[in-house]
Amino acid sequence: MIMSQLKKENCENTNEKNKNYWIGQVIDCIGGARNPNSWTLFQVANIDNGEITIINADIVEKILKPSES
């Protein structure tokens, strides 16, 4: 899973800033042309509404890993 933030300019209200974050389940990782092992794009499903989209790795805030039991 990854956590990303949608960019909103001039957002001063902290409640509004918190609404910009969303979490997605990674479906596929796409490597770069020069180094296929370096992920540049993620195909993700938004866990809130199920929307599937491709996002640039630059906008990913955190990569959430499951705990190992």
N, C-alpha and C. Protein backbone atom coordinates (compact mmCIF):
# COMPACT_ATOMS: atom_id res chain seq x y z
N MET A 1 0.84 -1.17 0.00
CA MET A 1 0.00 0.00 0.00
C MET A 1 0.89 1.23 0.00
N ILE A 2 0.38 2.27 -0.60
CA ILE A 2 1.10 3.53 -0.62
C ILE A 2 0.19 4.65 -0.15
N MET A 3 0.81 5.72 0.34
CA MET A 3 0.06 6.90 0.73
C MET A 3 0.53 8.05 -0.14
N SER A 4 -0.40 8.77 -0.70
CA SER A 4 -0.08 9.87 -1.59
C SER A 4 -0.89 11.09 -1.20
N GLN A 5 -0.46 12.24 -1.69
CA GLN A 5 -1.15 13.50 -1.41
C GLN A 5 -1.47 14.19 -2.72
N LEU A 6 -2.73 14.61 -2.85
CA LEU A 6 -3.11 15.42 -3.99
C LEU A 6 -2.68 16.84 -3.73
N LYS A 7 -2.09 17.49 -4.72
CA LYS A 7 -1.58 18.84 -4.54
C LYS A 7 -2.71 19.85 -4.67
N LYS A 8 -2.84 20.74 -3.66
CA LYS A 8 -3.78 21.86 -3.72
C LYS A 8 -3.01 23.11 -3.35
N GLU A 9 -3.05 24.08 -4.20
CA GLU A 9 -2.34 25.33 -3.98
C GLU A 9 -3.11 26.19 -2.97
N ASN A 10 -2.36 26.93 -2.15
CA ASN A 10 -2.91 27.89 -1.19
C ASN A 10 -3.91 27.25 -0.22
N CYS A 11 -3.59 26.08 0.26
CA CYS A 11 -4.46 25.38 1.20
C CYS A 11 -3.97 25.67 2.61
N GLU A 12 -4.65 26.58 3.32
CA GLU A 12 -4.20 26.99 4.64
C GLU A 12 -4.94 26.28 5.76
N ASN A 13 -6.13 25.78 5.51
CA ASN A 13 -6.92 25.10 6.52
C ASN A 13 -6.37 23.69 6.73
N THR A 14 -6.01 23.34 7.98
CA THR A 14 -5.42 22.02 8.23
C THR A 14 -6.41 20.89 7.97
N ASN A 15 -7.70 21.12 8.21
CA ASN A 15 -8.70 20.09 7.90
C ASN A 15 -8.73 19.83 6.40
N GLU A 16 -8.61 20.87 5.62
CA GLU A 16 -8.60 20.73 4.16
C GLU A 16 -7.34 20.01 3.70
N LYS A 17 -6.20 20.28 4.34
CA LYS A 17 -4.95 19.62 3.98
C LYS A 17 -5.04 18.12 4.24
N ASN A 18 -5.66 17.73 5.36
CA ASN A 18 -5.76 16.31 5.70
C ASN A 18 -6.65 15.55 4.73
N LYS A 19 -7.60 16.20 4.10
CA LYS A 19 -8.48 15.55 3.14
C LYS A 19 -7.77 15.24 1.83
N ASN A 20 -6.60 15.82 1.62
CA ASN A 20 -5.89 15.62 0.37
C ASN A 20 -5.17 14.27 0.30
N TYR A 21 -4.99 13.60 1.43
CA TYR A 21 -4.28 12.33 1.44
C TYR A 21 -5.21 11.18 1.09
N TRP A 22 -4.67 10.19 0.42
CA TRP A 22 -5.41 8.98 0.14
C TRP A 22 -4.46 7.80 0.14
N ILE A 23 -4.99 6.61 0.37
CA ILE A 23 -4.19 5.39 0.42
C ILE A 23 -4.65 4.47 -0.69
N GLY A 24 -3.68 3.87 -1.37
CA GLY A 24 -4.00 2.98 -2.48
C GLY A 24 -3.28 1.65 -2.37
N GLN A 25 -3.92 0.61 -2.88
CA GLN A 25 -3.32 -0.72 -2.97
C GLN A 25 -2.55 -0.80 -4.27
N VAL A 26 -1.27 -1.14 -4.20
CA VAL A 26 -0.44 -1.22 -5.40
C VAL A 26 -0.82 -2.47 -6.19
N ILE A 27 -1.13 -2.27 -7.47
CA ILE A 27 -1.46 -3.37 -8.36
C ILE A 27 -0.22 -3.78 -9.15
N ASP A 28 0.53 -2.79 -9.64
CA ASP A 28 1.71 -3.07 -10.44
C ASP A 28 2.72 -1.94 -10.27
N CYS A 29 4.00 -2.28 -10.37
CA CYS A 29 5.09 -1.31 -10.32
C CYS A 29 5.75 -1.28 -11.68
N ILE A 30 5.95 -0.09 -12.22
CA ILE A 30 6.50 0.07 -13.57
C ILE A 30 7.87 0.70 -13.46
N GLY A 31 8.87 0.03 -14.01
CA GLY A 31 10.25 0.51 -13.95
C GLY A 31 10.55 1.52 -15.03
N GLY A 32 11.66 2.23 -14.86
CA GLY A 32 12.09 3.23 -15.81
C GLY A 32 12.75 2.60 -17.03
N ALA A 33 12.96 3.40 -18.06
CA ALA A 33 13.55 2.91 -19.31
C ALA A 33 15.02 2.56 -19.13
N ARG A 34 15.73 3.34 -18.35
CA ARG A 34 17.16 3.09 -18.16
C ARG A 34 17.43 2.01 -17.12
N ASN A 35 16.58 1.95 -16.09
CA ASN A 35 16.76 0.95 -15.04
C ASN A 35 15.39 0.37 -14.69
N PRO A 36 15.05 -0.80 -15.23
CA PRO A 36 13.74 -1.38 -14.96
C PRO A 36 13.51 -1.73 -13.49
N ASN A 37 14.57 -1.84 -12.69
CA ASN A 37 14.42 -2.15 -11.28
C ASN A 37 14.15 -0.91 -10.44
N SER A 38 14.22 0.27 -11.03
CA SER A 38 13.92 1.52 -10.34
C SER A 38 12.50 1.94 -10.73
N TRP A 39 11.56 1.80 -9.77
CA TRP A 39 10.16 2.08 -10.07
C TRP A 39 9.93 3.57 -10.27
N THR A 40 9.28 3.91 -11.37
CA THR A 40 8.95 5.31 -11.66
C THR A 40 7.45 5.55 -11.67
N LEU A 41 6.66 4.52 -11.87
CA LEU A 41 5.20 4.63 -11.89
C LEU A 41 4.59 3.49 -11.09
N PHE A 42 3.45 3.77 -10.48
CA PHE A 42 2.69 2.75 -9.76
C PHE A 42 1.27 2.73 -10.32
N GLN A 43 0.75 1.54 -10.57
CA GLN A 43 -0.67 1.40 -10.87
C GLN A 43 -1.33 1.04 -9.54
N VAL A 44 -2.24 1.89 -9.08
CA VAL A 44 -2.83 1.72 -7.75
C VAL A 44 -4.35 1.78 -7.80
N ALA A 45 -4.97 1.13 -6.83
CA ALA A 45 -6.41 1.20 -6.65
C ALA A 45 -6.67 1.99 -5.37
N ASN A 46 -7.41 3.07 -5.47
CA ASN A 46 -7.78 3.88 -4.31
C ASN A 46 -8.68 3.03 -3.42
N ILE A 47 -8.30 2.85 -2.14
CA ILE A 47 -9.08 1.95 -1.28
C ILE A 47 -10.41 2.56 -0.84
N ASP A 48 -10.59 3.87 -1.01
CA ASP A 48 -11.85 4.50 -0.63
C ASP A 48 -12.94 4.33 -1.68
N ASN A 49 -12.56 4.46 -2.97
CA ASN A 49 -13.59 4.41 -4.01
C ASN A 49 -13.31 3.38 -5.10
N GLY A 50 -12.17 2.66 -5.04
CA GLY A 50 -11.88 1.62 -6.02
C GLY A 50 -11.33 2.11 -7.34
N GLU A 51 -11.14 3.41 -7.48
CA GLU A 51 -10.63 3.97 -8.73
C GLU A 51 -9.20 3.49 -8.98
N ILE A 52 -8.94 3.01 -10.18
CA ILE A 52 -7.60 2.56 -10.55
C ILE A 52 -6.94 3.64 -11.38
N THR A 53 -5.70 3.99 -11.01
CA THR A 53 -4.98 5.05 -11.70
C THR A 53 -3.49 4.75 -11.69
N ILE A 54 -2.77 5.40 -12.58
CA ILE A 54 -1.32 5.30 -12.61
C ILE A 54 -0.77 6.62 -12.07
N ILE A 55 0.11 6.53 -11.08
CA ILE A 55 0.68 7.73 -10.48
C ILE A 55 2.20 7.71 -10.60
N ASN A 56 2.77 8.89 -10.65
CA ASN A 56 4.21 9.04 -10.69
C ASN A 56 4.78 8.76 -9.30
N ALA A 57 5.91 8.09 -9.25
CA ALA A 57 6.52 7.74 -7.96
C ALA A 57 6.92 8.98 -7.16
N ASP A 58 7.08 10.12 -7.81
CA ASP A 58 7.48 11.34 -7.11
C ASP A 58 6.41 11.85 -6.14
N ILE A 59 5.14 11.53 -6.36
CA ILE A 59 4.10 12.04 -5.47
C ILE A 59 3.78 11.08 -4.33
N VAL A 60 4.44 9.94 -4.27
CA VAL A 60 4.22 8.99 -3.18
C VAL A 60 4.88 9.53 -1.91
N GLU A 61 4.09 9.65 -0.85
CA GLU A 61 4.60 10.15 0.42
C GLU A 61 5.23 9.03 1.24
N LYS A 62 4.56 7.88 1.31
CA LYS A 62 5.06 6.75 2.10
C LYS A 62 4.66 5.44 1.44
N ILE A 63 5.48 4.41 1.64
CA ILE A 63 5.14 3.06 1.24
C ILE A 63 4.87 2.30 2.53
N LEU A 64 3.64 1.82 2.66
CA LEU A 64 3.22 1.11 3.87
C LEU A 64 3.37 -0.38 3.64
N LYS A 65 4.13 -1.03 4.49
CA LYS A 65 4.36 -2.47 4.35
C LYS A 65 3.59 -3.20 5.45
N PRO A 66 3.07 -4.39 5.15
CA PRO A 66 2.38 -5.16 6.19
C PRO A 66 3.36 -5.63 7.25
N SER A 67 2.87 -5.76 8.47
CA SER A 67 3.74 -6.24 9.55
C SER A 67 3.98 -7.74 9.37
N GLU A 68 5.16 -8.14 9.74
CA GLU A 68 5.52 -9.55 9.63
C GLU A 68 5.25 -10.23 10.96
N SER A 69 4.40 -11.24 10.93
CA SER A 69 4.03 -11.94 12.17
C SER A 69 4.85 -13.18 12.36
